[in-house]
Amino acid sequence: MPPDQRSAMTRARYIVGVLLLISLPPGVAWWFVIHPFVGFWRKAGVKPTMWVVSVGSAVAMIVLWAARGPLMGRDLGDSWILGCTAVLLFALAVAIGLRRKRHLTTRILAGIPELQADGRGGDLLTEGPYAVIRHPRYVEVALAVLAYALFANYVGTYVVAVATPLALHAIVLLEERELLERFGDAYVEYSARVPRYIPRFSTR
């Protein structure tokens, strides 16, 4: 049934699913383009890099939009249980995001510090949620993607939800290699003290 003939919830699920499928892959791919070739992009400069990657992301989104039907796959139907679970997961992701935004600025999020010519820009984030886990942004994204997938309840969104943590972990490994180069012993000490994704719960 065409989306415009479905119930309000079904239409909402379809919209959320499409937005997830056309926006997340280019966003993740951004970092696979930047991190492995960061030396090249530093020589190219911040503005040219932002233009190239942004245009590439826009083109990818257009292609994904055109292929949205096959990518979405089978509609598994409305489910209020999954919808409520999605809301809880999304609320948790938002809570992490609100704390994270106090420390991780848009400039840092876009990768500007690592694109600076000397590769030494920015400060090592060790406060707020970064004192609990090293990568709250990626935990936030993984939770949000799972929430979107559960709410949309299409086969294609579940494929994305499964692939996202694997892709994010690969990005983390690339990012940590750069952080080690930029901050040296300070990052070694920080890594030994703070876990990647799951907080350590002290008995004290």
Foldseek 3Di string as FASTA:
>chain_A
DDLVPDDPLLVVLLVLLLCCQLQPVLVLVLLVVCLVPLLVLLVVPDVVSCVVSVVVSVVSSVVCNVVVVVLQADAPDADVVLLVVLVVLLVVLVVLVVQCCVPCPPCVVSPVCCSHNVSQDDDQDCDGVNVFAVCSVLVSVLSNLSSSCSSSRTPNSVVCSVVSVVSVVVSVVSVLVSVCVRPPPVSVVSPVNYHHHHGDDDPD
